[in-house]
Amino acid sequence: MYICAVFIVKRKMKITLLMTGKTDTPYWKDALEAYRKRLVHYVPFEVKVIPGVKHVKNGSETQQKEREGELILNSLQAGDVCVLLDEGGTEYTSVQFAAYLERKMHTVAKRLVFVIGGPYGFSEAVYRAAPERISLSRMTFSHQMIRPVFAEQLYRAMTILRNEPYHHL
């Protein structure tokens, strides 16, 4: 079933994909860029990279999460709605995710920021700062791979909202 609502984009709302560490693998980088280019025709969309925190000798996973968490929180702006891409989050079908985005377009005044954390997940401070979590799958994907997968789902959601033929039921 397609969503039959009118697709209205608040030009003030921007979608940001905030991620820890650069995308090194060329084909994942190319795929992410391809979907970024497609998405800007539907909604202001940016990809923002936080430099990866290298595992420091004698440093713990908790310390790495804390440092990455500080960088994530420092990247957020007043008025942002932060959504963590997290294995413990809510799962949606593509059509449900499109409906979720449509609701956000009517309620988010500034930026809807989706965050992909580092290899050890998020710090407690980041969990406290983010009111929502979304899981893309019950399976685990590499941090490199999930970036274009998420961008593709954003693109798919936009085409669903426009009743375009990209998404077939």
Protein backbone atom coordinates (compact mmCIF):
# COMPACT_ATOMS: atom_id res chain seq x y z
CA MET A 1 0.00 0.00 0.00
CA TYR A 2 1.41 3.36 -1.01
CA ILE A 3 1.12 6.46 1.08
CA CYS A 4 -1.37 8.76 -0.55
CA ALA A 5 -0.53 11.90 1.40
CA VAL A 6 0.62 15.06 -0.25
CA PHE A 7 4.41 15.32 -0.16
CA ILE A 8 5.25 18.66 1.38
CA VAL A 9 8.83 19.46 2.22
CA LYS A 10 9.48 22.18 4.70
CA ARG A 11 12.42 23.86 3.05
CA LYS A 12 13.74 24.72 6.50
CA MET A 13 14.21 21.06 7.42
CA LYS A 14 17.42 19.40 6.35
CA ILE A 15 18.35 15.75 6.72
CA THR A 16 21.89 15.11 7.88
CA LEU A 17 23.68 11.78 8.04
CA LEU A 18 26.31 12.16 10.74
CA MET A 19 28.85 9.37 10.87
CA THR A 20 32.01 8.52 12.72
CA GLY A 21 35.04 7.89 10.52
CA LYS A 22 35.39 8.28 6.78
CA THR A 23 34.21 5.77 4.21
CA ASP A 24 37.39 4.12 2.94
CA THR A 25 36.11 1.43 0.60
CA PRO A 26 35.66 2.98 -2.85
CA TYR A 27 32.47 1.16 -3.84
CA TRP A 28 30.67 2.08 -0.57
CA LYS A 29 31.89 5.66 -0.94
CA ASP A 30 30.65 5.79 -4.57
CA ALA A 31 27.27 4.30 -3.63
CA LEU A 32 26.79 6.79 -0.78
CA GLU A 33 27.65 9.67 -3.10
CA ALA A 34 25.26 8.40 -5.78
CA TYR A 35 22.34 8.39 -3.32
CA ARG A 36 23.39 11.74 -1.86
CA LYS A 37 23.12 13.23 -5.35
CA ARG A 38 19.68 11.68 -5.85
CA LEU A 39 18.38 12.82 -2.47
CA VAL A 40 19.11 16.52 -2.92
CA HIS A 41 16.33 16.63 -5.53
CA TYR A 42 13.82 15.76 -2.80
CA VAL A 43 15.11 17.25 0.43
CA PRO A 44 18.18 19.19 1.57
CA PHE A 45 20.57 16.37 2.49
CA GLU A 46 24.14 16.40 3.72
CA VAL A 47 26.65 13.82 4.87
CA LYS A 48 28.86 14.95 7.71
CA VAL A 49 31.88 12.93 8.82
CA ILE A 50 33.33 13.06 12.32
CA PRO A 51 36.97 11.98 12.29
CA GLY A 52 37.34 8.47 13.62
CA VAL A 53 38.84 8.06 17.05
CA LYS A 54 41.67 5.59 16.88
CA HIS A 55 41.77 2.94 19.58
CA VAL A 56 44.43 4.33 21.86
CA LYS A 57 46.92 1.90 23.40
CA ASN A 58 45.74 1.11 26.93
CA GLY A 59 42.42 2.80 26.12
CA SER A 60 39.16 0.99 26.63
CA GLU A 61 36.13 0.65 24.37
CA THR A 62 34.28 2.85 26.86
CA GLN A 63 36.88 5.59 26.51
CA GLN A 64 36.62 5.42 22.72
CA LYS A 65 32.80 5.64 22.88
CA GLU A 66 33.08 8.60 25.26
CA ARG A 67 35.44 10.49 22.93
CA GLU A 68 33.30 9.73 19.87
CA GLY A 69 30.24 10.76 21.89
CA GLU A 70 31.78 14.15 22.65
CA LEU A 71 32.45 14.68 18.94
CA ILE A 72 28.90 13.64 18.02
CA LEU A 73 27.33 15.93 20.62
CA ASN A 74 29.56 18.83 19.54
CA SER A 75 28.31 18.35 15.96
CA LEU A 76 24.68 18.84 16.94
CA GLN A 77 23.06 22.25 16.75
CA ALA A 78 20.27 23.79 18.77
CA GLY A 79 16.95 22.62 17.38
CA ASP A 80 18.31 19.40 15.85
CA VAL A 81 16.30 16.20 16.23
CA CYS A 82 18.82 13.42 16.67
CA VAL A 83 18.00 9.84 15.66
CA LEU A 84 20.50 7.07 16.33
CA LEU A 85 20.88 4.21 13.89
CA ASP A 86 21.14 1.53 16.52
CA GLU A 87 20.50 -2.21 16.69
CA GLY A 88 18.11 -1.66 19.60
CA GLY A 89 15.96 0.82 17.71
CA THR A 90 12.54 0.58 16.12
CA GLU A 91 12.37 -1.41 12.89
CA TYR A 92 10.29 -0.12 9.98
CA THR A 93 9.31 -1.39 6.58
CA SER A 94 10.25 1.00 3.78
CA VAL A 95 6.67 2.30 3.61
CA GLN A 96 6.54 2.80 7.38
CA PHE A 97 9.87 4.64 7.25
CA ALA A 98 8.49 6.92 4.53
CA ALA A 99 5.51 7.73 6.75
CA TYR A 100 7.90 8.39 9.65
CA LEU A 101 9.87 10.85 7.49
CA GLU A 102 6.70 12.57 6.35
CA ARG A 103 5.68 13.15 9.98
CA LYS A 104 9.13 14.56 10.70
CA MET A 105 8.86 16.95 7.77
CA HIS A 106 5.86 18.50 9.47
CA THR A 107 7.38 18.68 12.94
CA VAL A 108 11.14 19.23 12.61
CA ALA A 109 11.99 22.88 12.15
CA LYS A 110 15.71 22.62 11.47
CA ARG A 111 17.72 19.42 11.02
CA LEU A 112 16.79 15.77 11.32
CA VAL A 113 20.14 14.18 12.12
CA PHE A 114 20.63 10.44 11.70
CA VAL A 115 23.78 9.22 13.46
CA ILE A 116 25.93 6.19 12.69
CA GLY A 117 28.33 5.64 15.58
CA GLY A 118 31.68 3.97 15.80
CA PRO A 119 32.44 0.25 16.05
CA TYR A 120 31.61 0.07 19.76
CA GLY A 121 28.30 1.91 19.60
CA PHE A 122 27.28 5.08 21.39
CA SER A 123 28.19 6.56 24.74
CA GLU A 124 25.53 6.97 27.41
CA ALA A 125 25.62 10.75 26.86
CA VAL A 126 24.67 10.27 23.20
CA TYR A 127 21.85 7.88 24.13
CA ARG A 128 20.50 10.50 26.55
CA ALA A 129 20.69 13.24 23.90
CA ALA A 130 18.87 11.28 21.20
CA PRO A 131 15.14 10.84 21.69
CA GLU A 132 14.79 8.19 18.98
CA ARG A 133 16.55 5.10 17.65
CA ILE A 134 16.00 3.25 14.39
CA SER A 135 17.30 -0.20 13.50
CA LEU A 136 17.80 -0.94 9.83
CA SER A 137 17.92 -4.67 10.45
CA ARG A 138 18.30 -7.26 13.16
CA MET A 139 21.48 -8.25 11.34
CA THR A 140 24.79 -6.50 11.86
CA PHE A 141 26.38 -4.59 8.97
CA SER A 142 29.80 -2.98 8.72
CA HIS A 143 29.91 0.75 9.36
CA GLN A 144 31.11 1.22 5.80
CA MET A 145 28.20 -0.73 4.32
CA ILE A 146 25.36 0.73 6.37
CA ARG A 147 26.00 4.25 5.08
CA PRO A 148 24.86 3.70 1.48
CA VAL A 149 22.18 1.27 2.69
CA PHE A 150 20.67 4.00 4.86
CA ALA A 151 20.98 6.60 2.08
CA GLU A 152 19.19 4.21 -0.28
CA GLN A 153 16.35 3.83 2.23
CA LEU A 154 16.06 7.62 2.51
CA TYR A 155 15.88 7.83 -1.28
CA ARG A 156 13.33 5.00 -1.41
CA ALA A 157 11.22 6.81 1.21
CA MET A 158 11.23 10.00 -0.86
CA THR A 159 10.11 8.12 -3.97
CA ILE A 160 7.36 6.41 -1.98
CA LEU A 161 6.11 9.78 -0.74
CA ARG A 162 6.05 11.04 -4.32
CA ASN A 163 4.37 7.88 -5.61
CA GLU A 164 7.28 7.35 -7.99
CA PRO A 165 7.93 3.87 -9.42
CA TYR A 166 11.29 3.21 -7.70
CA HIS A 167 9.58 1.28 -4.89
CA HIS A 168 7.46 -1.67 -5.99
CA LEU A 169 5.20 -3.62 -3.65
